[in-house]
Protein backbone atom coordinates (compact mmCIF):
# COMPACT_ATOMS: atom_id res chain seq x y z
CA MET A 1 -155.98 6.34 5.40
CA ILE A 2 -153.25 3.85 6.21
CA HIS A 3 -150.20 4.16 3.95
CA ARG A 4 -148.41 0.99 5.07
CA LEU A 5 -148.72 -2.61 3.97
CA PHE A 6 -150.06 -4.99 6.59
CA LYS A 7 -150.07 -8.76 6.79
CA LYS A 8 -152.80 -9.44 9.35
CA THR A 9 -156.01 -7.83 10.55
CA GLN A 10 -158.23 -8.64 13.52
CA LYS A 11 -161.67 -7.23 14.31
CA ILE A 12 -162.55 -6.69 17.98
CA SER A 13 -166.07 -5.86 19.15
CA THR A 14 -166.67 -4.34 22.57
CA ILE A 15 -169.83 -3.27 24.35
CA GLU A 16 -169.41 0.00 26.24
CA ASN A 17 -172.37 1.75 27.88
CA GLY A 18 -174.79 -0.43 25.90
CA LYS A 19 -173.22 0.50 22.55
CA VAL A 20 -171.19 -1.85 20.35
CA ASN A 21 -167.79 -0.45 19.34
CA TYR A 22 -165.58 -2.03 16.70
CA TYR A 23 -161.79 -1.91 16.71
CA PHE A 24 -159.35 -3.23 14.13
CA LYS A 25 -155.85 -4.43 15.00
CA LEU A 26 -153.41 -4.35 12.08
CA THR A 27 -150.07 -6.16 12.10
CA PHE A 28 -147.67 -4.60 9.63
CA LEU A 29 -144.95 -6.35 7.64
CA ASN A 30 -142.26 -5.38 10.18
CA ASN A 31 -144.45 -6.78 13.05
CA ASP A 32 -145.41 -3.35 14.40
CA THR A 33 -149.08 -3.19 15.36
CA ALA A 34 -151.75 -0.50 15.51
CA VAL A 35 -155.36 -0.45 16.71
CA PHE A 36 -157.94 1.69 14.90
CA ASP A 37 -161.54 2.47 15.81
CA ASN A 38 -164.46 2.18 13.40
CA SER A 39 -163.89 5.77 12.22
CA GLY A 40 -160.28 5.04 11.22
CA ASN A 41 -158.72 6.90 14.14
CA GLU A 42 -155.59 5.33 15.61
CA VAL A 43 -156.24 4.26 19.19
CA MET A 44 -152.94 2.55 20.08
CA SER A 45 -149.74 1.40 18.41
CA SER A 46 -146.69 -0.68 19.29
CA LYS A 47 -143.26 -1.04 17.78
CA VAL A 48 -140.83 -3.96 18.02
CA ILE A 49 -137.34 -2.86 19.04
CA ASN A 50 -134.46 -5.25 18.47
CA ASN A 51 -132.12 -5.41 21.44
CA ASN A 52 -128.62 -6.44 20.34
CA ASN A 53 -127.58 -7.36 23.91
CA THR A 54 -130.08 -10.22 24.22
CA GLU A 55 -131.83 -12.55 21.82
CA ALA A 56 -135.30 -11.43 22.90
CA ASN A 57 -137.19 -8.57 21.26
CA ASN A 58 -138.61 -5.74 23.33
CA VAL A 59 -142.06 -4.35 22.55
CA VAL A 60 -142.90 -0.75 23.36
CA THR A 61 -146.56 0.31 23.35
CA TYR A 62 -147.58 3.90 22.66
CA PRO A 63 -151.08 5.24 23.32
CA SER A 64 -152.28 7.32 20.43
CA THR A 65 -152.05 11.09 20.74
CA LYS A 66 -154.26 11.65 17.68
CA LYS A 67 -157.79 12.86 18.35
């Protein structure tokens, strides 16, 4: 179960080895993102890091270590 508020959700369908897989990308209120599979397992996440030296934001992507 996800215990964070999110502001946007996207559904992605892929066909792998003749089977349709569904993934859901959630964008949270602080603009972090996470991708979950149809079973609710986290597949990937990213976090926005503010860099005070420049005006641009850096995005770091982390593959999920949860199985």
